[in-house]
Protein backbone atom coordinates (compact mmCIF):
# COMPACT_ATOMS: atom_id res chain seq x y z
CA MET A 1 -48.40 -188.60 9.79
CA ASP A 2 -47.80 -190.93 12.75
CA ARG A 3 -50.20 -190.09 15.57
CA ASP A 4 -49.14 -192.84 17.97
CA ILE A 5 -47.14 -191.63 20.95
CA SER A 6 -44.70 -193.16 23.43
CA PHE A 7 -43.42 -191.87 26.76
CA ALA A 8 -40.41 -192.79 28.86
CA THR A 9 -38.81 -191.82 32.14
CA PHE A 10 -35.05 -192.09 32.63
CA ASN A 11 -33.16 -191.41 35.88
CA LEU A 12 -29.64 -190.31 34.84
CA TYR A 13 -28.06 -191.04 38.25
CA ASN A 14 -26.35 -187.70 38.87
CA LEU A 15 -25.12 -187.10 35.33
CA GLN A 16 -22.59 -184.27 35.41
CA LEU A 17 -19.72 -183.04 33.23
CA PRO A 18 -16.27 -184.49 34.06
CA GLY A 19 -14.55 -182.80 36.96
CA LYS A 20 -17.61 -180.76 37.93
CA PRO A 21 -19.07 -181.03 41.45
CA THR A 22 -22.26 -182.79 42.46
CA TYR A 23 -23.02 -183.44 46.12
CA PRO A 24 -20.57 -182.32 48.84
CA GLY A 25 -17.91 -184.97 49.27
CA ALA A 26 -18.96 -186.96 46.19
CA LYS A 27 -16.35 -187.89 43.62
CA PRO A 28 -16.69 -186.13 40.26
CA PHE A 29 -16.84 -187.98 36.97
CA THR A 30 -13.50 -188.74 35.39
CA PRO A 31 -13.38 -188.35 31.59
CA GLU A 32 -13.33 -192.14 31.22
CA ALA A 33 -16.24 -192.71 33.62
CA TYR A 34 -18.20 -190.00 31.81
CA ARG A 35 -17.58 -191.65 28.43
CA ARG A 36 -18.74 -195.00 29.80
CA ARG A 37 -21.92 -193.48 31.21
CA LEU A 38 -22.71 -191.66 27.94
CA ALA A 39 -22.09 -194.83 25.94
CA TRP A 40 -24.45 -196.88 28.09
CA ALA A 41 -27.13 -194.19 28.31
CA GLY A 42 -26.91 -193.45 24.58
CA GLU A 43 -27.52 -197.09 23.76
CA ARG A 44 -30.56 -197.10 26.05
CA LEU A 45 -31.93 -193.96 24.36
CA ARG A 46 -31.74 -195.65 20.97
CA GLU A 47 -33.45 -198.74 22.36
CA LEU A 48 -36.17 -196.68 24.01
CA ASP A 49 -37.19 -195.09 20.72
CA ALA A 50 -39.65 -192.90 22.66
CA ASP A 51 -41.34 -189.71 21.51
CA VAL A 52 -41.25 -187.99 24.90
CA ILE A 53 -38.63 -188.69 27.57
CA ALA A 54 -38.48 -187.24 31.08
CA PHE A 55 -35.09 -187.19 32.79
CA GLN A 56 -34.15 -186.92 36.45
CA GLU A 57 -30.89 -186.37 38.37
CA LEU A 58 -29.31 -184.11 35.77
CA TRP A 59 -26.69 -181.59 36.91
CA SER A 60 -25.82 -179.99 33.58
CA ALA A 61 -27.71 -179.06 30.42
CA GLN A 62 -24.52 -179.55 28.44
CA ALA A 63 -24.20 -183.12 29.74
CA LEU A 64 -27.62 -184.02 28.32
CA ARG A 65 -26.77 -182.40 24.99
CA GLU A 66 -23.56 -184.43 24.86
CA LEU A 67 -25.53 -187.58 25.67
CA PHE A 68 -27.82 -186.99 22.68
CA ASP A 69 -24.79 -186.21 20.53
CA ALA A 70 -23.19 -189.49 21.60
CA ALA A 71 -26.41 -191.34 20.78
CA GLY A 72 -26.66 -189.69 17.36
CA LEU A 73 -30.10 -188.32 18.23
CA SER A 74 -29.52 -184.58 18.59
CA ALA A 75 -31.25 -183.73 15.33
CA ASP A 76 -34.35 -185.73 16.27
CA TYR A 77 -35.16 -184.25 19.67
CA ASP A 78 -35.91 -180.88 21.22
CA LEU A 79 -34.36 -180.74 24.70
CA GLN A 80 -36.13 -178.82 27.46
CA PHE A 81 -34.54 -177.68 30.75
CA ILE A 82 -35.64 -175.70 33.80
CA LYS A 83 -33.00 -173.15 32.71
CA GLU A 84 -29.45 -173.18 31.35
CA GLU A 85 -27.75 -173.47 34.76
CA TRP A 86 -29.02 -174.53 38.17
CA TYR A 87 -27.98 -175.88 41.56
CA ASP A 88 -28.65 -179.44 42.74
CA ILE A 89 -30.21 -182.10 40.50
CA ALA A 90 -32.98 -181.21 38.05
CA VAL A 91 -35.49 -182.72 35.66
CA ALA A 92 -35.35 -182.24 31.90
CA ALA A 93 -37.24 -183.50 28.87
CA ALA A 94 -36.74 -184.51 25.25
CA VAL A 95 -39.49 -184.29 22.61
CA ARG A 96 -39.26 -185.90 19.17
CA LYS A 97 -40.84 -184.70 15.94
CA PRO A 98 -43.64 -184.62 14.77
CA TRP A 99 -44.46 -183.57 18.33
CA LYS A 100 -43.44 -180.07 19.28
CA VAL A 101 -43.45 -177.99 22.45
CA THR A 102 -45.97 -175.16 22.13
CA ALA A 103 -45.79 -173.98 25.76
CA LYS A 104 -43.71 -174.60 28.87
CA THR A 105 -44.58 -173.91 32.51
CA LEU A 106 -42.22 -174.37 35.44
CA HIS A 107 -43.74 -175.28 38.80
CA LYS A 108 -41.43 -174.50 41.72
CA ARG A 109 -43.90 -173.02 44.19
CA PHE A 110 -46.94 -174.93 45.33
CA PRO A 111 -50.33 -173.65 44.06
CA ASP A 112 -51.89 -170.66 45.75
CA GLY A 113 -54.09 -171.75 48.62
CA PHE A 114 -52.17 -174.96 49.32
CA ARG A 115 -52.30 -175.71 53.05
CA LEU A 116 -51.68 -178.79 55.15
CA LEU A 117 -53.46 -177.75 58.32
CA LYS A 118 -55.71 -179.44 60.87
CA ARG A 119 -56.56 -177.16 63.80
CA ARG A 120 -56.27 -178.06 67.47
CA HIS A 121 -59.54 -178.63 69.32
CA GLY A 122 -60.86 -175.35 70.67
CA GLU A 123 -59.18 -173.15 68.06
CA PRO A 124 -61.39 -171.05 65.77
CA GLY A 125 -62.47 -173.15 62.81
CA ALA A 126 -61.61 -176.51 64.43
CA ASP A 127 -63.98 -179.49 64.48
CA VAL A 128 -66.52 -179.48 67.29
CA GLN A 129 -65.75 -183.12 68.03
CA ARG A 130 -62.55 -183.41 70.00
CA THR A 131 -59.68 -185.16 68.23
CA ASP A 132 -55.93 -185.25 68.68
CA ASP A 133 -54.95 -185.16 65.02
CA ASP A 134 -54.02 -181.47 64.73
CA ILE A 135 -51.08 -180.81 62.42
CA GLU A 136 -49.54 -177.99 60.41
CA VAL A 137 -46.92 -178.50 57.72
CA SER A 138 -45.17 -175.44 56.27
CA ILE A 139 -43.91 -176.55 52.85
CA ASP A 140 -44.54 -174.39 49.79
CA LEU A 141 -41.87 -175.48 47.28
CA PHE A 142 -41.15 -178.56 45.20
CA SER A 143 -37.69 -179.88 46.05
CA ARG A 144 -37.13 -180.19 42.27
CA THR A 145 -38.91 -177.93 39.81
CA VAL A 146 -41.67 -179.69 37.85
CA ILE A 147 -41.67 -179.08 34.09
CA GLN A 148 -45.05 -178.89 32.33
CA LEU A 149 -44.92 -179.06 28.54
CA THR A 150 -47.83 -178.55 26.16
CA LEU A 151 -47.23 -180.72 23.10
CA GLY A 152 -48.78 -180.09 19.72
CA HIS A 153 -48.81 -182.25 16.61
CA GLU A 154 -48.45 -181.36 12.94
CA ASN A 155 -51.82 -183.02 12.33
CA ALA A 156 -54.53 -180.63 13.52
CA GLN A 157 -56.85 -183.55 14.37
CA VAL A 158 -54.53 -184.65 17.18
CA PRO A 159 -55.35 -182.88 20.47
CA PRO A 160 -52.59 -181.27 22.53
CA VAL A 161 -51.01 -183.32 25.32
CA GLU A 162 -49.92 -181.88 28.66
CA VAL A 163 -46.77 -183.61 29.92
CA PHE A 164 -45.53 -183.20 33.49
CA CYS A 165 -41.93 -184.19 34.29
CA ALA A 166 -41.38 -184.67 38.01
CA HIS A 167 -38.92 -186.00 40.57
CA LEU A 168 -40.45 -186.14 44.03
CA LYS A 169 -38.42 -186.15 47.25
CA SER A 170 -36.54 -189.42 47.75
CA LYS A 171 -37.00 -191.98 50.52
CA HIS A 172 -33.49 -191.30 51.80
CA ALA A 173 -33.45 -189.58 55.17
CA THR A 174 -33.18 -185.80 55.06
CA PRO A 175 -30.03 -184.71 56.96
CA LEU A 176 -30.98 -182.91 60.15
CA ASP A 177 -29.65 -179.40 60.72
CA LYS A 178 -26.80 -178.96 63.20
CA PRO A 179 -28.97 -177.94 66.19
CA GLU A 180 -31.07 -181.11 65.88
CA ALA A 181 -28.24 -183.40 64.78
CA GLY A 182 -26.19 -182.27 67.78
CA ASN A 183 -29.01 -182.71 70.28
CA PRO A 184 -28.08 -185.68 72.51
CA ALA A 185 -31.74 -186.66 72.84
CA LEU A 186 -32.14 -186.84 69.05
CA LYS A 187 -28.83 -188.39 67.99
CA PRO A 188 -30.09 -192.00 68.26
CA HIS A 189 -33.09 -191.10 66.13
CA THR A 190 -31.65 -189.05 63.27
CA ALA A 191 -32.41 -191.74 60.67
CA ALA A 192 -36.05 -192.05 61.73
CA LEU A 193 -36.59 -188.30 61.95
CA GLY A 194 -34.82 -187.70 58.63
CA ALA A 195 -36.93 -190.36 56.91
CA ALA A 196 -40.06 -188.80 58.38
CA LEU A 197 -39.08 -185.40 56.97
CA SER A 198 -38.56 -186.93 53.52
CA THR A 199 -41.90 -188.72 53.66
CA ILE A 200 -43.75 -185.58 54.75
CA ARG A 201 -42.16 -183.55 51.97
CA ARG A 202 -42.83 -186.19 49.30
CA THR A 203 -46.46 -186.44 50.41
CA ALA A 204 -46.86 -182.66 50.34
CA GLU A 205 -45.33 -182.54 46.86
CA ALA A 206 -47.75 -185.23 45.67
CA ALA A 207 -50.71 -183.27 47.04
CA ALA A 208 -49.50 -180.02 45.46
CA LEU A 209 -49.01 -181.71 42.10
CA ARG A 210 -52.45 -183.30 42.38
CA MET A 211 -53.94 -179.81 42.88
CA ILE A 212 -52.26 -178.68 39.66
CA LEU A 213 -53.52 -181.76 37.82
CA THR A 214 -57.08 -181.41 39.12
CA ASP A 215 -57.24 -177.75 38.11
CA LEU A 216 -56.08 -178.76 34.62
CA LEU A 217 -58.20 -181.88 34.11
CA LYS A 218 -61.44 -181.50 36.06
CA GLY A 219 -64.35 -180.85 33.72
CA THR A 220 -62.14 -180.79 30.62
CA ASP A 221 -61.06 -183.20 27.91
CA ARG A 222 -57.36 -182.37 28.24
CA ALA A 223 -54.95 -185.23 27.69
CA ALA A 224 -52.24 -185.35 30.35
CA VAL A 225 -49.30 -187.54 31.30
CA LEU A 226 -47.15 -187.49 34.44
CA LEU A 227 -43.66 -188.91 33.98
CA GLY A 228 -40.88 -189.31 36.47
CA ASP A 229 -39.18 -190.74 39.49
CA LEU A 230 -41.95 -190.40 42.06
CA ASN A 231 -39.95 -192.31 44.69
CA ASP A 232 -42.79 -194.54 45.83
CA GLY A 233 -44.35 -197.80 44.72
CA VAL A 234 -47.55 -197.94 42.76
CA HIS A 235 -49.58 -198.85 45.88
CA ALA A 236 -48.11 -196.07 48.04
CA ASN A 237 -50.20 -193.27 49.49
CA THR A 238 -48.39 -190.64 47.42
CA LEU A 239 -49.29 -192.48 44.20
CA SER A 240 -52.88 -192.75 45.40
CA ILE A 241 -52.91 -188.98 45.91
CA LEU A 242 -51.49 -188.36 42.44
CA THR A 243 -53.78 -190.77 40.60
CA THR A 244 -56.95 -190.41 42.76
CA GLN A 245 -57.13 -194.22 42.52
CA PRO A 246 -59.32 -194.73 39.45
CA VAL A 247 -61.00 -198.12 39.06
CA TYR A 248 -59.52 -200.31 36.30
CA ARG A 249 -61.64 -202.48 34.05
CA ARG A 250 -60.34 -206.05 34.35
CA TYR A 251 -62.04 -207.45 31.25
CA ALA A 252 -63.45 -205.82 28.14
CA SER A 253 -67.10 -206.86 28.57
CA SER A 254 -67.30 -205.33 32.04
CA ARG A 255 -69.42 -202.21 32.41
CA LYS A 256 -67.30 -200.88 35.29
CA ALA A 257 -64.52 -198.33 35.22
CA GLY A 258 -65.51 -196.43 32.12
CA ALA A 259 -63.69 -193.20 32.92
CA ASN A 260 -62.29 -190.88 35.56
CA ASP A 261 -62.45 -187.21 34.71
CA ALA A 262 -59.40 -186.00 36.63
CA GLY A 263 -57.68 -189.27 37.58
CA LEU A 264 -54.52 -190.79 36.18
CA TYR A 265 -53.99 -194.41 35.14
CA ALA A 266 -50.68 -196.16 35.85
CA ALA A 267 -49.15 -197.75 32.75
CA SER A 268 -47.75 -200.44 35.06
CA PHE A 269 -51.29 -201.48 36.01
CA LEU A 270 -52.42 -201.42 32.37
CA GLN A 271 -49.55 -203.76 31.50
CA ALA A 272 -50.20 -205.99 34.52
CA LEU A 273 -53.86 -206.37 33.57
CA ALA A 274 -52.87 -207.25 30.01
CA ASP A 275 -50.32 -209.86 31.12
CA PHE A 276 -51.94 -211.10 34.34
CA GLN A 277 -48.61 -210.57 36.07
CA ASP A 278 -47.22 -208.70 39.03
CA VAL A 279 -46.06 -205.13 38.61
CA ALA A 280 -42.41 -205.00 37.55
CA TYR A 281 -39.63 -203.12 39.30
CA SER A 282 -37.37 -200.18 38.47
CA TYR A 283 -35.29 -199.93 41.65
CA ILE A 284 -33.60 -202.26 44.13
CA TYR A 285 -32.71 -201.19 47.66
CA LYS A 286 -31.57 -203.74 50.25
CA ASP A 287 -32.87 -206.49 47.93
CA VAL A 288 -36.36 -204.97 47.88
CA ARG A 289 -37.65 -204.46 44.33
CA GLU A 290 -40.07 -201.62 43.67
CA GLN A 291 -41.25 -199.53 40.78
CA LEU A 292 -40.44 -195.94 41.73
CA ASP A 293 -40.43 -194.61 38.16
CA HIS A 294 -43.87 -194.15 36.70
CA ILE A 295 -45.90 -193.19 33.66
CA LEU A 296 -49.37 -192.00 34.68
CA VAL A 297 -51.91 -191.05 32.00
CA SER A 298 -55.30 -189.36 31.89
CA GLU A 299 -58.47 -191.02 30.58
CA GLN A 300 -57.63 -189.85 27.05
CA PHE A 301 -55.13 -192.76 27.04
CA TYR A 302 -57.43 -195.30 28.76
CA ASP A 303 -59.05 -197.79 26.39
CA TYR A 304 -62.40 -197.93 28.18
CA SER A 305 -63.03 -194.22 28.45
CA LYS A 306 -65.51 -192.74 26.00
CA LYS A 307 -63.10 -189.81 25.73
CA HIS A 308 -60.01 -191.79 24.78
CA HIS A 309 -57.86 -190.72 21.82
CA TRP A 310 -55.15 -193.36 22.25
CA SER A 311 -55.17 -197.02 23.33
CA PHE A 312 -52.54 -198.67 25.49
CA ARG A 313 -50.10 -200.83 23.55
CA ASP A 314 -47.48 -201.89 26.09
CA GLN A 315 -45.07 -200.94 28.84
CA ARG A 316 -41.48 -202.11 29.11
CA ILE A 317 -38.94 -201.64 31.88
CA TRP A 318 -35.22 -201.92 31.20
CA ASN A 319 -33.89 -203.22 34.53
CA ASP A 320 -31.33 -205.96 33.83
CA HIS A 321 -28.52 -203.58 34.75
CA LEU A 322 -29.87 -203.25 38.30
CA ASP A 323 -28.86 -206.83 39.11
CA ALA A 324 -25.71 -206.81 37.01
CA GLU A 325 -24.02 -203.74 38.48
CA ASP A 326 -23.21 -203.03 42.13
CA ARG A 327 -20.86 -200.05 41.89
CA ASP A 328 -22.00 -196.64 43.08
CA GLY A 329 -21.20 -193.08 42.06
CA PRO A 330 -19.51 -191.99 38.82
CA GLU A 331 -17.71 -195.34 38.50
CA ARG A 332 -21.03 -197.03 37.91
CA PRO A 333 -21.50 -197.08 34.11
CA THR A 334 -25.29 -197.48 34.35
CA SER A 335 -28.18 -195.78 36.07
CA ASP A 336 -29.29 -197.10 39.46
CA HIS A 337 -32.92 -196.98 38.27
CA GLY A 338 -34.76 -198.93 35.62
CA ILE A 339 -35.93 -197.08 32.52
CA VAL A 340 -39.66 -197.19 31.82
CA ARG A 341 -41.41 -196.77 28.46
CA ALA A 342 -45.10 -196.95 27.58
CA ARG A 343 -46.53 -196.86 24.06
CA PHE A 344 -50.00 -195.77 22.98
CA LEU A 345 -51.73 -196.21 19.61
CA TRP A 346 -53.84 -193.50 18.00
CA ASP A 347 -57.35 -194.92 18.36
CA PRO A 348 -59.95 -192.19 18.95
CA ALA A 349 -63.25 -193.28 20.46
């Protein structure tokens, strides 16, 4: 039985059934535009040939089922959703045999005890040394529900894998509410304030997800993978929060960077170290290329950990369509993100 495993993350760019609404004021898919999108996405699914795929920007469970039908892959994959119907965009997942979903957990609320609070000088519990960095952020929900899947294998020797499918808050500015948007003093600054709100939320979501990961991984041998559109580059602070910044071994004979109990390793870095190349990109905005879509793995997938079960084989990013297509909305036949896949070989330590 094949014990290798591959993961992918695929932003579906607001995939919705024809004629059904998405965002206020946005054009719906026409039947022809929908067929073009399914044809393109179905071809990418066949190329990906991945065991586990995380999806983002999905509006309809039926649309994903029809995508797998169009690709001829429905019989091969078990599709997982946050529920049958929902509002706004959502994440979803597909799992291919011989892997099977043995448990599913949905994370909408942040973990109990989560607080982003630094008290003002003089308040009970504040630092004795005077500082001006007091702050309180009242966020307790993920903007998009995170799916956690426990995957089992038909071979009892293969340990379970915890897969997290996430889509963190985007970099686009959050629209201000009417009282703030209509405030003459704030009108010139709505873009800056909206971008700040998005950044604060994305950072809070990263910290909340890191709490969940730490509780799962610390002091255990659990294998875990985080897949998704995390909306920041691999060097960003949010990625540092999520990964805990483990040290990577740059050559095999080195004695450094043997393991990190609760950290996550970026497949993009593993590929870059193998190729001695810069990190690739999965998104273009105003001619700036970044990798926003990530595959992050625990030490059970890191070659130099004494606890590894799999070894890194390669990462590939499908991104040619980002330069070739400039249309937006339903008329765009492709995604506006690159598609990322990483493969790992069964190679227990």
